[in-house]
């Protein structure tokens, strides 16, 4: 199962940690590919366009990202869009993906 935990504080998203594998298909795991494409795209956009990453780690089956400026509106919108897209996948494949949002101080 892929587990993705978004974290933040005071109603603002700060980043996410994604780990695991969907194990949806042995031949071509389209679910893993979809999650990887969504998270990688978001990370690259934040890094290249906004220079807004504090931590960026990526290896097979694991990614962690934390943004530097949580008050940047565009970064918040991108992270919220990522949450929405991943939750859509979670609704369709609940045995293979889990999405959680943990906001401290709210």
PDB file of N, CA and C in Angstrom:
ATOM      1  N   UNK A   1       0.833  -1.178   0.000  1.00  0.00           N
ATOM      2  CA  UNK A   1       0.000   0.000   0.000  1.00  0.00           C
ATOM      3  C   UNK A   1       0.882   1.248   0.000  1.00  0.00           C
ATOM      4  N   UNK A   2       0.425   2.263  -0.741  1.00  0.00           N
ATOM      5  CA  UNK A   2       1.095   3.563  -0.720  1.00  0.00           C
ATOM      6  C   UNK A   2       0.448   4.377   0.389  1.00  0.00           C
ATOM      7  N   UNK A   3       1.263   4.934   1.260  1.00  0.00           N
ATOM      8  CA  UNK A   3       0.768   5.796   2.335  1.00  0.00           C
ATOM      9  C   UNK A   3       1.354   7.184   2.135  1.00  0.00           C
ATOM     10  N   UNK A   4       0.463   8.165   2.058  1.00  0.00           N
ATOM     11  CA  UNK A   4       0.891   9.539   1.877  1.00  0.00           C
ATOM     12  C   UNK A   4       0.336  10.359   3.026  1.00  0.00           C
ATOM     13  N   UNK A   5       1.226  11.018   3.751  1.00  0.00           N
ATOM     14  CA  UNK A   5       0.825  11.856   4.873  1.00  0.00           C
ATOM     15  C   UNK A   5       1.259  13.284   4.571  1.00  0.00           C
ATOM     16  N   UNK A   6       0.286  14.175   4.490  1.00  0.00           N
ATOM     17  CA  UNK A   6       0.561  15.598   4.348  1.00  0.00           C
ATOM     18  C   UNK A   6       0.642  16.180   5.744  1.00  0.00           C
ATOM     19  N   UNK A   7       1.539  17.120   5.946  1.00  0.00           N
ATOM     20  CA  UNK A   7       1.685  17.715   7.270  1.00  0.00           C
ATOM     21  C   UNK A   7       1.748  19.225   7.146  1.00  0.00           C
ATOM     22  N   UNK A   8       1.390  19.889   8.239  1.00  0.00           N
ATOM     23  CA  UNK A   8       1.404  21.342   8.241  1.00  0.00           C
ATOM     24  C   UNK A   8       1.076  21.873   9.614  1.00  0.00           C
ATOM     25  N   UNK A   9       0.834  23.165   9.647  1.00  0.00           N
ATOM     26  CA  UNK A   9       0.495  23.821  10.911  1.00  0.00           C
ATOM     27  C   UNK A   9      -0.361  25.045  10.621  1.00  0.00           C
ATOM     28  N   UNK A  10      -1.229  25.360  11.552  1.00  0.00           N
ATOM     29  CA  UNK A  10      -2.098  26.540  11.458  1.00  0.00           C
ATOM     30  C   UNK A  10      -2.819  26.612  10.120  1.00  0.00           C
ATOM     31  N   UNK A  11      -3.420  25.523   9.717  1.00  0.00           N
ATOM     32  CA  UNK A  11      -4.215  25.404   8.496  1.00  0.00           C
ATOM     33  C   UNK A  11      -3.411  25.515   7.204  1.00  0.00           C
ATOM     34  N   UNK A  12      -2.091  25.524   7.282  1.00  0.00           N
ATOM     35  CA  UNK A  12      -1.260  25.603   6.093  1.00  0.00           C
ATOM     36  C   UNK A  12      -0.496  24.301   5.890  1.00  0.00           C
ATOM     37  N   UNK A  13      -0.516  23.798   4.668  1.00  0.00           N
ATOM     38  CA  UNK A  13       0.243  22.590   4.350  1.00  0.00           C
ATOM     39  C   UNK A  13       1.720  22.944   4.277  1.00  0.00           C
ATOM     40  N   UNK A  14       2.544  22.068   4.803  1.00  0.00           N
ATOM     41  CA  UNK A  14       3.992  22.283   4.815  1.00  0.00           C
ATOM     42  C   UNK A  14       4.706  21.292   3.908  1.00  0.00           C
ATOM     43  N   UNK A  15       4.089  20.143   3.647  1.00  0.00           N
ATOM     44  CA  UNK A  15       4.723  19.160   2.791  1.00  0.00           C
ATOM     45  C   UNK A  15       4.049  17.813   2.905  1.00  0.00           C
ATOM     46  N   UNK A  16       4.751  16.794   2.430  1.00  0.00           N
ATOM     47  CA  UNK A  16       4.201  15.438   2.487  1.00  0.00           C
ATOM     48  C   UNK A  16       5.316  14.409   2.520  1.00  0.00           C
ATOM     49  N   UNK A  17       4.939  13.225   2.963  1.00  0.00           N
ATOM     50  CA  UNK A  17       5.816  12.067   2.910  1.00  0.00           C
ATOM     51  C   UNK A  17       5.018  10.943   2.275  1.00  0.00           C
ATOM     52  N   UNK A  18       5.552  10.357   1.240  1.00  0.00           N
ATOM     53  CA  UNK A  18       4.892   9.254   0.535  1.00  0.00           C
ATOM     54  C   UNK A  18       5.818   8.047   0.561  1.00  0.00           C
ATOM     55  N   UNK A  19       5.257   6.897   0.928  1.00  0.00           N
ATOM     56  CA  UNK A  19       6.088   5.695   0.928  1.00  0.00           C
ATOM     57  C   UNK A  19       5.250   4.462   0.626  1.00  0.00           C
ATOM     58  N   UNK A  20       5.930   3.468   0.097  1.00  0.00           N
ATOM     59  CA  UNK A  20       5.291   2.195  -0.190  1.00  0.00           C
ATOM     60  C   UNK A  20       5.009   2.002  -1.666  1.00  0.00           C
ATOM     61  N   UNK A  21       4.369   0.890  -1.952  1.00  0.00           N
ATOM     62  CA  UNK A  21       4.000   0.519  -3.318  1.00  0.00           C
ATOM     63  C   UNK A  21       2.552   0.071  -3.317  1.00  0.00           C
ATOM     64  N   UNK A  22       1.859   0.368  -4.395  1.00  0.00           N
ATOM     65  CA  UNK A  22       0.433   0.059  -4.480  1.00  0.00           C
ATOM     66  C   UNK A  22       0.173  -1.439  -4.584  1.00  0.00           C
ATOM     67  N   UNK A  23       1.068  -2.158  -5.240  1.00  0.00           N
ATOM     68  CA  UNK A  23       0.887  -3.594  -5.492  1.00  0.00           C
ATOM     69  C   UNK A  23      -0.457  -3.867  -6.177  1.00  0.00           C
ATOM     70  N   UNK A  24      -0.821  -2.954  -7.076  1.00  0.00           N
ATOM     71  CA  UNK A  24      -2.085  -3.066  -7.803  1.00  0.00           C
ATOM     72  C   UNK A  24      -2.000  -4.100  -8.921  1.00  0.00           C
ATOM     73  N   UNK A  25      -0.853  -4.162  -9.589  1.00  0.00           N
ATOM     74  CA  UNK A  25      -0.676  -5.095 -10.694  1.00  0.00           C
ATOM     75  C   UNK A  25       0.783  -5.550 -10.725  1.00  0.00           C
ATOM     76  N   UNK A  26       0.983  -6.804 -11.054  1.00  0.00           N
ATOM     77  CA  UNK A  26       2.357  -7.321 -11.131  1.00  0.00           C
ATOM     78  C   UNK A  26       3.075  -6.875 -12.386  1.00  0.00           C
ATOM     79  N   UNK A  27       2.340  -6.747 -13.495  1.00  0.00           N
ATOM     80  CA  UNK A  27       2.967  -6.402 -14.764  1.00  0.00           C
ATOM     81  C   UNK A  27       3.215  -4.900 -14.899  1.00  0.00           C
ATOM     82  N   UNK A  28       2.155  -4.116 -14.831  1.00  0.00           N
ATOM     83  CA  UNK A  28       2.268  -2.671 -14.986  1.00  0.00           C
ATOM     84  C   UNK A  28       1.428  -2.030 -13.894  1.00  0.00           C
ATOM     85  N   UNK A  29       2.090  -1.468 -12.918  1.00  0.00           N
ATOM     86  CA  UNK A  29       1.358  -0.875 -11.803  1.00  0.00           C
ATOM     87  C   UNK A  29       1.036   0.576 -12.127  1.00  0.00           C
ATOM     88  N   UNK A  30      -0.110   0.769 -12.778  1.00  0.00           N
ATOM     89  CA  UNK A  30      -0.511   2.103 -13.194  1.00  0.00           C
ATOM     90  C   UNK A  30      -0.818   3.007 -12.004  1.00  0.00           C
ATOM     91  N   UNK A  31      -1.227   2.429 -10.892  1.00  0.00           N
ATOM     92  CA  UNK A  31      -1.517   3.238  -9.709  1.00  0.00           C
ATOM     93  C   UNK A  31      -0.230   3.830  -9.137  1.00  0.00           C
ATOM     94  N   UNK A  32       0.814   3.035  -9.019  1.00  0.00           N
ATOM     95  CA  UNK A  32       2.116   3.545  -8.570  1.00  0.00           C
ATOM     96  C   UNK A  32       2.609   4.624  -9.537  1.00  0.00           C
ATOM     97  N   UNK A  33       2.440   4.384 -10.815  1.00  0.00           N
ATOM     98  CA  UNK A  33       2.882   5.352 -11.813  1.00  0.00           C
ATOM     99  C   UNK A  33       2.105   6.664 -11.675  1.00  0.00           C
ATOM    100  N   UNK A  34       0.810   6.583 -11.414  1.00  0.00           N
ATOM    101  CA  UNK A  34      -0.011   7.791 -11.261  1.00  0.00           C
ATOM    102  C   UNK A  34       0.422   8.592 -10.036  1.00  0.00           C
ATOM    103  N   UNK A  35       0.622   7.926  -8.913  1.00  0.00           N
ATOM    104  CA  UNK A  35       1.049   8.608  -7.686  1.00  0.00           C
ATOM    105  C   UNK A  35       2.423   9.216  -7.883  1.00  0.00           C
ATOM    106  N   UNK A  36       3.308   8.479  -8.499  1.00  0.00           N
ATOM    107  CA  UNK A  36       4.658   8.969  -8.752  1.00  0.00           C
ATOM    108  C   UNK A  36       4.631  10.201  -9.659  1.00  0.00           C
ATOM    109  N   UNK A  37       3.823  10.158 -10.698  1.00  0.00           N
ATOM    110  CA  UNK A  37       3.727  11.293 -11.621  1.00  0.00           C
ATOM    111  C   UNK A  37       3.172  12.526 -10.915  1.00  0.00           C
ATOM    112  N   UNK A  38       2.137  12.357 -10.116  1.00  0.00           N
ATOM    113  CA  UNK A  38       1.541  13.492  -9.406  1.00  0.00           C
ATOM    114  C   UNK A  38       2.511  14.110  -8.399  1.00  0.00           C
ATOM    115  N   UNK A  39       3.145  13.277  -7.586  1.00  0.00           N
ATOM    116  CA  UNK A  39       4.042  13.806  -6.555  1.00  0.00           C
ATOM    117  C   UNK A  39       5.310  14.399  -7.164  1.00  0.00           C
ATOM    118  N   UNK A  40       5.862  13.753  -8.167  1.00  0.00           N
ATOM    119  CA  UNK A  40       7.075  14.254  -8.807  1.00  0.00           C
ATOM    120  C   UNK A  40       6.811  15.562  -9.539  1.00  0.00           C
ATOM    121  N   UNK A  41       5.692  15.638 -10.222  1.00  0.00           N
ATOM    122  CA  UNK A  41       5.327  16.866 -10.923  1.00  0.00           C
ATOM    123  C   UNK A  41       5.208  18.030  -9.939  1.00  0.00           C
ATOM    124  N   UNK A  42       4.526  17.810  -8.829  1.00  0.00           N
ATOM    125  CA  UNK A  42       4.359  18.857  -7.826  1.00  0.00           C
ATOM    126  C   UNK A  42       5.708  19.280  -7.255  1.00  0.00           C
ATOM    127  N   UNK A  43       6.547  18.314  -6.925  1.00  0.00           N
ATOM    128  CA  UNK A  43       7.869  18.624  -6.373  1.00  0.00           C
ATOM    129  C   UNK A  43       8.711  19.421  -7.362  1.00  0.00           C
ATOM    130  N   UNK A  44       8.708  19.014  -8.616  1.00  0.00           N
ATOM    131  CA  UNK A  44       9.514  19.725  -9.616  1.00  0.00           C
ATOM    132  C   UNK A  44       8.991  21.135  -9.842  1.00  0.00           C
ATOM    133  N   UNK A  45       7.678  21.287  -9.884  1.00  0.00           N
ATOM    134  CA  UNK A  45       7.101  22.619 -10.091  1.00  0.00           C
ATOM    135  C   UNK A  45       7.454  23.547  -8.933  1.00  0.00           C
ATOM    136  N   UNK A  46       7.325  23.046  -7.719  1.00  0.00           N
ATOM    137  CA  UNK A  46       7.678  23.862  -6.558  1.00  0.00           C
ATOM    138  C   UNK A  46       9.155  24.218  -6.564  1.00  0.00           C
ATOM    139  N   UNK A  47       9.986  23.267  -6.918  1.00  0.00           N
ATOM    140  CA  UNK A  47      11.429  23.477  -6.903  1.00  0.00           C
ATOM    141  C   UNK A  47      11.896  24.399  -8.025  1.00  0.00           C
ATOM    142  N   UNK A  48      11.426  24.154  -9.235  1.00  0.00           N
ATOM    143  CA  UNK A  48      11.922  24.900 -10.387  1.00  0.00           C
ATOM    144  C   UNK A  48      11.292  26.276 -10.522  1.00  0.00           C
ATOM    145  N   UNK A  49      10.012  26.369 -10.280  1.00  0.00           N
ATOM    146  CA  UNK A  49       9.323  27.642 -10.513  1.00  0.00           C
ATOM    147  C   UNK A  49       9.357  28.570  -9.315  1.00  0.00           C
ATOM    148  N   UNK A  50       9.283  28.001  -8.117  1.00  0.00           N
ATOM    149  CA  UNK A  50       9.160  28.852  -6.941  1.00  0.00           C
ATOM    150  C   UNK A  50      10.386  28.811  -6.032  1.00  0.00           C
ATOM    151  N   UNK A  51      11.317  27.910  -6.295  1.00  0.00           N
ATOM    152  CA  UNK A  51      12.511  27.748  -5.442  1.00  0.00           C
ATOM    153  C   UNK A  51      12.089  27.691  -3.979  1.00  0.00           C
ATOM    154  N   UNK A  52      11.080  26.861  -3.697  1.00  0.00           N
ATOM    155  CA  UNK A  52      10.401  26.903  -2.414  1.00  0.00           C
ATOM    156  C   UNK A  52      10.551  25.619  -1.599  1.00  0.00           C
ATOM    157  N   UNK A  53      11.529  24.782  -1.922  1.00  0.00           N
ATOM    158  CA  UNK A  53      11.668  23.530  -1.204  1.00  0.00           C
ATOM    159  C   UNK A  53      12.721  23.616  -0.117  1.00  0.00           C
ATOM    160  N   UNK A  54      12.400  23.050   1.006  1.00  0.00           N
ATOM    161  CA  UNK A  54      13.353  22.956   2.108  1.00  0.00           C
ATOM    162  C   UNK A  54      14.019  21.591   2.091  1.00  0.00           C
ATOM    163  N   UNK A  55      13.221  20.553   1.970  1.00  0.00           N
ATOM    164  CA  UNK A  55      13.742  19.190   1.944  1.00  0.00           C
ATOM    165  C   UNK A  55      13.143  18.506   0.728  1.00  0.00           C
ATOM    166  N   UNK A  56      13.964  17.796   0.014  1.00  0.00           N
ATOM    167  CA  UNK A  56      13.469  17.035  -1.124  1.00  0.00           C
ATOM    168  C   UNK A  56      14.273  15.743  -1.182  1.00  0.00           C
ATOM    169  N   UNK A  57      13.614  14.653  -0.876  1.00  0.00           N
ATOM    170  CA  UNK A  57      14.247  13.344  -0.945  1.00  0.00           C
ATOM    171  C   UNK A  57      13.405  12.470  -1.856  1.00  0.00           C
ATOM    172  N   UNK A  58      14.060  11.678  -2.658  1.00  0.00           N
ATOM    173  CA  UNK A  58      13.309  10.769  -3.507  1.00  0.00           C
ATOM    174  C   UNK A  58      14.150   9.532  -3.775  1.00  0.00           C
ATOM    175  N   UNK A  59      13.537   8.395  -3.592  1.00  0.00           N
ATOM    176  CA  UNK A  59      14.133   7.121  -3.967  1.00  0.00           C
ATOM    177  C   UNK A  59      12.985   6.190  -4.298  1.00  0.00           C
ATOM    178  N   UNK A  60      13.273   5.028  -4.759  1.00  0.00           N
ATOM    179  CA  UNK A  60      12.225   4.098  -5.164  1.00  0.00           C
ATOM    180  C   UNK A  60      11.286   3.802  -3.991  1.00  0.00           C
ATOM    181  N   UNK A  61      10.018   4.167  -4.165  1.00  0.00           N
ATOM    182  CA  UNK A  61       9.022   3.902  -3.134  1.00  0.00           C
ATOM    183  C   UNK A  61       9.006   4.883  -1.985  1.00  0.00           C
ATOM    184  N   UNK A  62       9.728   6.020  -2.121  1.00  0.00           N
ATOM    185  CA  UNK A  62       9.757   6.993  -1.026  1.00  0.00           C
ATOM    186  C   UNK A  62      10.006   8.402  -1.560  1.00  0.00           C
ATOM    187  N   UNK A  63       9.261   9.358  -1.020  1.00  0.00           N
ATOM    188  CA  UNK A  63       9.509  10.765  -1.326  1.00  0.00           C
ATOM    189  C   UNK A  63       9.093  11.600  -0.123  1.00  0.00           C
ATOM    190  N   UNK A  64       9.907  12.576   0.216  1.00  0.00           N
ATOM    191  CA  UNK A  64       9.554  13.533   1.259  1.00  0.00           C
ATOM    192  C   UNK A  64       9.851  14.928   0.738  1.00  0.00           C
ATOM    193  N   UNK A  65       8.912  15.826   0.976  1.00  0.00           N
ATOM    194  CA  UNK A  65       9.042  17.184   0.500  1.00  0.00           C
ATOM    195  C   UNK A  65       8.521  18.125   1.570  1.00  0.00           C
ATOM    196  N   UNK A  66       9.251  19.197   1.811  1.00  0.00           N
ATOM    197  CA  UNK A  66       8.795  20.218   2.746  1.00  0.00           C
ATOM    198  C   UNK A  66       9.051  21.580   2.123  1.00  0.00           C
ATOM    199  N   UNK A  67       8.034  22.439   2.115  1.00  0.00           N
ATOM    200  CA  UNK A  67       8.212  23.753   1.511  1.00  0.00           C
ATOM    201  C   UNK A  67       8.699  24.758   2.547  1.00  0.00           C
ATOM    202  N   UNK A  68       9.414  25.741   2.063  1.00  0.00           N
ATOM    203  CA  UNK A  68      10.014  26.748   2.929  1.00  0.00           C
ATOM    204  C   UNK A  68       9.013  27.824   3.329  1.00  0.00           C
ATOM    205  N   UNK A  69       8.277  28.345   2.363  1.00  0.00           N
ATOM    206  CA  UNK A  69       7.360  29.446   2.624  1.00  0.00           C
ATOM    207  C   UNK A  69       5.923  28.942   2.542  1.00  0.00           C
ATOM    208  N   UNK A  70       5.342  28.619   3.683  1.00  0.00           N
ATOM    209  CA  UNK A  70       3.977  28.074   3.689  1.00  0.00           C
ATOM    210  C   UNK A  70       2.922  29.132   3.412  1.00  0.00           C
ATOM    211  N   UNK A  71       3.283  30.404   3.469  1.00  0.00           N
ATOM    212  CA  UNK A  71       2.295  31.445   3.210  1.00  0.00           C
ATOM    213  C   UNK A  71       2.199  31.793   1.725  1.00  0.00           C
ATOM    214  N   UNK A  72       3.045  31.210   0.903  1.00  0.00           N
ATOM    215  CA  UNK A  72       2.980  31.424  -0.537  1.00  0.00           C
ATOM    216  C   UNK A  72       1.695  30.783  -1.062  1.00  0.00           C
ATOM    217  N   UNK A  73       0.801  31.593  -1.598  1.00  0.00           N
ATOM    218  CA  UNK A  73      -0.531  31.134  -2.011  1.00  0.00           C
ATOM    219  C   UNK A  73      -0.456  30.062  -3.101  1.00  0.00           C
ATOM    220  N   UNK A  74       0.386  30.263  -4.086  1.00  0.00           N
ATOM    221  CA  UNK A  74       0.479  29.304  -5.183  1.00  0.00           C
ATOM    222  C   UNK A  74       0.988  27.939  -4.709  1.00  0.00           C
ATOM    223  N   UNK A  75       1.947  27.935  -3.807  1.00  0.00           N
ATOM    224  CA  UNK A  75       2.440  26.670  -3.260  1.00  0.00           C
ATOM    225  C   UNK A  75       1.338  25.943  -2.503  1.00  0.00           C
ATOM    226  N   UNK A  76       0.549  26.681  -1.718  1.00  0.00           N
ATOM    227  CA  UNK A  76      -0.569  26.080  -0.993  1.00  0.00           C
ATOM    228  C   UNK A  76      -1.593  25.501  -1.956  1.00  0.00           C
ATOM    229  N   UNK A  77      -1.893  26.219  -3.014  1.00  0.00           N
ATOM    230  CA  UNK A  77      -2.849  25.728  -4.008  1.00  0.00           C
ATOM    231  C   UNK A  77      -2.346  24.456  -4.683  1.00  0.00           C
ATOM    232  N   UNK A  78      -1.052  24.414  -4.971  1.00  0.00           N
ATOM    233  CA  UNK A  78      -0.493  23.212  -5.612  1.00  0.00           C
ATOM    234  C   UNK A  78      -0.558  22.010  -4.675  1.00  0.00           C
ATOM    235  N   UNK A  79      -0.224  22.203  -3.403  1.00  0.00           N
ATOM    236  CA  UNK A  79      -0.286  21.100  -2.450  1.00  0.00           C
ATOM    237  C   UNK A  79      -1.733  20.644  -2.227  1.00  0.00           C
ATOM    238  N   UNK A  80      -2.674  21.587  -2.167  1.00  0.00           N
ATOM    239  CA  UNK A  80      -4.087  21.224  -2.002  1.00  0.00           C
ATOM    240  C   UNK A  80      -4.611  20.481  -3.225  1.00  0.00           C
ATOM    241  N   UNK A  81      -4.171  20.876  -4.403  1.00  0.00           N
ATOM    242  CA  UNK A  81      -4.562  20.165  -5.617  1.00  0.00           C
ATOM    243  C   UNK A  81      -4.006  18.743  -5.607  1.00  0.00           C
ATOM    244  N   UNK A  82      -2.791  18.588  -5.109  1.00  0.00           N
ATOM    245  CA  UNK A  82      -2.198  17.255  -4.989  1.00  0.00           C
ATOM    246  C   UNK A  82      -2.998  16.399  -4.010  1.00  0.00           C
ATOM    247  N   UNK A  83      -3.382  16.975  -2.876  1.00  0.00           N
ATOM    248  CA  UNK A  83      -4.219  16.244  -1.906  1.00  0.00           C
ATOM    249  C   UNK A  83      -5.500  15.782  -2.585  1.00  0.00           C
ATOM    250  N   UNK A  84      -6.166  16.677  -3.297  1.00  0.00           N
ATOM    251  CA  UNK A  84      -7.426  16.342  -3.963  1.00  0.00           C
ATOM    252  C   UNK A  84      -7.253  15.217  -4.982  1.00  0.00           C
ATOM    253  N   UNK A  85      -6.205  15.300  -5.791  1.00  0.00           N
ATOM    254  CA  UNK A  85      -5.957  14.273  -6.810  1.00  0.00           C
ATOM    255  C   UNK A  85      -5.674  12.914  -6.175  1.00  0.00           C
ATOM    256  N   UNK A  86      -4.864  12.918  -5.118  1.00  0.00           N
ATOM    257  CA  UNK A  86      -4.539  11.657  -4.449  1.00  0.00           C
ATOM    258  C   UNK A  86      -5.751  11.079  -3.717  1.00  0.00           C
ATOM    259  N   UNK A  87      -6.596  11.940  -3.166  1.00  0.00           N
ATOM    260  CA  UNK A  87      -7.827  11.456  -2.517  1.00  0.00           C
ATOM    261  C   UNK A  87      -8.783  10.845  -3.547  1.00  0.00           C
ATOM    262  N   UNK A  88      -8.801  11.396  -4.754  1.00  0.00           N
ATOM    263  CA  UNK A  88      -9.601  10.788  -5.820  1.00  0.00           C
ATOM    264  C   UNK A  88      -9.126   9.360  -6.094  1.00  0.00           C
ATOM    265  N   UNK A  89      -7.804   9.179  -6.150  1.00  0.00           N
ATOM    266  CA  UNK A  89      -7.257   7.831  -6.348  1.00  0.00           C
ATOM    267  C   UNK A  89      -7.585   6.930  -5.159  1.00  0.00           C
ATOM    268  N   UNK A  90      -7.527   7.478  -3.957  1.00  0.00           N
ATOM    269  CA  UNK A  90      -7.842   6.706  -2.754  1.00  0.00           C
ATOM    270  C   UNK A  90      -9.292   6.210  -2.788  1.00  0.00           C
ATOM    271  N   UNK A  91     -10.205   7.043  -3.259  1.00  0.00           N
ATOM    272  CA  UNK A  91     -11.612   6.629  -3.362  1.00  0.00           C
ATOM    273  C   UNK A  91     -11.779   5.462  -4.320  1.00  0.00           C
ATOM    274  N   UNK A  92     -11.032   5.461  -5.393  1.00  0.00           N
ATOM    275  CA  UNK A  92     -11.137   4.393  -6.402  1.00  0.00           C
ATOM    276  C   UNK A  92     -10.375   3.128  -6.013  1.00  0.00           C
ATOM    277  N   UNK A  93      -9.287   3.293  -5.258  1.00  0.00           N
ATOM    278  CA  UNK A  93      -8.424   2.161  -4.912  1.00  0.00           C
ATOM    279  C   UNK A  93      -8.102   2.157  -3.420  1.00  0.00           C
ATOM    280  N   UNK A  94      -9.103   2.032  -2.547  1.00  0.00           N
ATOM    281  CA  UNK A  94      -8.871   2.163  -1.100  1.00  0.00           C
ATOM    282  C   UNK A  94      -7.976   1.082  -0.492  1.00  0.00           C
ATOM    283  N   UNK A  95      -7.819  -0.032  -1.157  1.00  0.00           N
ATOM    284  CA  UNK A  95      -6.943  -1.094  -0.634  1.00  0.00           C
ATOM    285  C   UNK A  95      -5.483  -0.872  -1.001  1.00  0.00           C
ATOM    286  N   UNK A  96      -5.235   0.123  -1.861  1.00  0.00           N
ATOM    287  CA  UNK A  96      -3.888   0.299  -2.391  1.00  0.00           C
ATOM    288  C   UNK A  96      -3.246   1.651  -2.070  1.00  0.00           C
ATOM    289  N   UNK A  97      -4.066   2.629  -1.631  1.00  0.00           N
ATOM    290  CA  UNK A  97      -3.517   3.951  -1.341  1.00  0.00           C
ATOM    291  C   UNK A  97      -4.258   4.574  -0.159  1.00  0.00           C
ATOM    292  N   UNK A  98      -3.488   5.208   0.719  1.00  0.00           N
ATOM    293  CA  UNK A  98      -4.030   5.892   1.892  1.00  0.00           C
ATOM    294  C   UNK A  98      -3.481   7.312   1.918  1.00  0.00           C
ATOM    295  N   UNK A  99      -4.384   8.284   2.053  1.00  0.00           N
ATOM    296  CA  UNK A  99      -3.989   9.693   2.099  1.00  0.00           C
ATOM    297  C   UNK A  99      -4.495  10.284   3.405  1.00  0.00           C
ATOM    298  N   UNK A 100      -3.593  10.949   4.124  1.00  0.00           N
ATOM    299  CA  UNK A 100      -3.937  11.538   5.410  1.00  0.00           C
ATOM    300  C   UNK A 100      -3.365  12.957   5.470  1.00  0.00           C
ATOM    301  N   UNK A 101      -4.111  13.852   6.114  1.00  0.00           N
ATOM    302  CA  UNK A 101      -3.637  15.225   6.296  1.00  0.00           C
ATOM    303  C   UNK A 101      -3.601  15.493   7.790  1.00  0.00           C
ATOM    304  N   UNK A 102      -2.408  15.837   8.291  1.00  0.00           N
ATOM    305  CA  UNK A 102      -2.221  16.144   9.713  1.00  0.00           C
ATOM    306  C   UNK A 102      -1.782  17.593   9.851  1.00  0.00           C
ATOM    307  N   UNK A 103      -2.665  18.419  10.394  1.00  0.00           N
ATOM    308  CA  UNK A 103      -2.361  19.825  10.600  1.00  0.00           C
ATOM    309  C   UNK A 103      -2.289  20.095  12.095  1.00  0.00           C
ATOM    310  N   UNK A 104      -1.139  20.536  12.581  1.00  0.00           N
ATOM    311  CA  UNK A 104      -0.962  20.857  14.003  1.00  0.00           C
ATOM    312  C   UNK A 104      -1.478  22.266  14.288  1.00  0.00           C
ATOM    313  N   UNK A 105      -1.988  22.448  15.479  1.00  0.00           N
ATOM    314  CA  UNK A 105      -2.381  23.775  15.922  1.00  0.00           C
ATOM    315  C   UNK A 105      -3.715  24.255  15.417  1.00  0.00           C
ATOM    316  N   UNK A 106      -4.556  23.337  14.922  1.00  0.00           N
ATOM    317  CA  UNK A 106      -5.885  23.770  14.469  1.00  0.00           C
ATOM    318  C   UNK A 106      -6.954  23.154  15.333  1.00  0.00           C
TER     319      UNK A 106
END
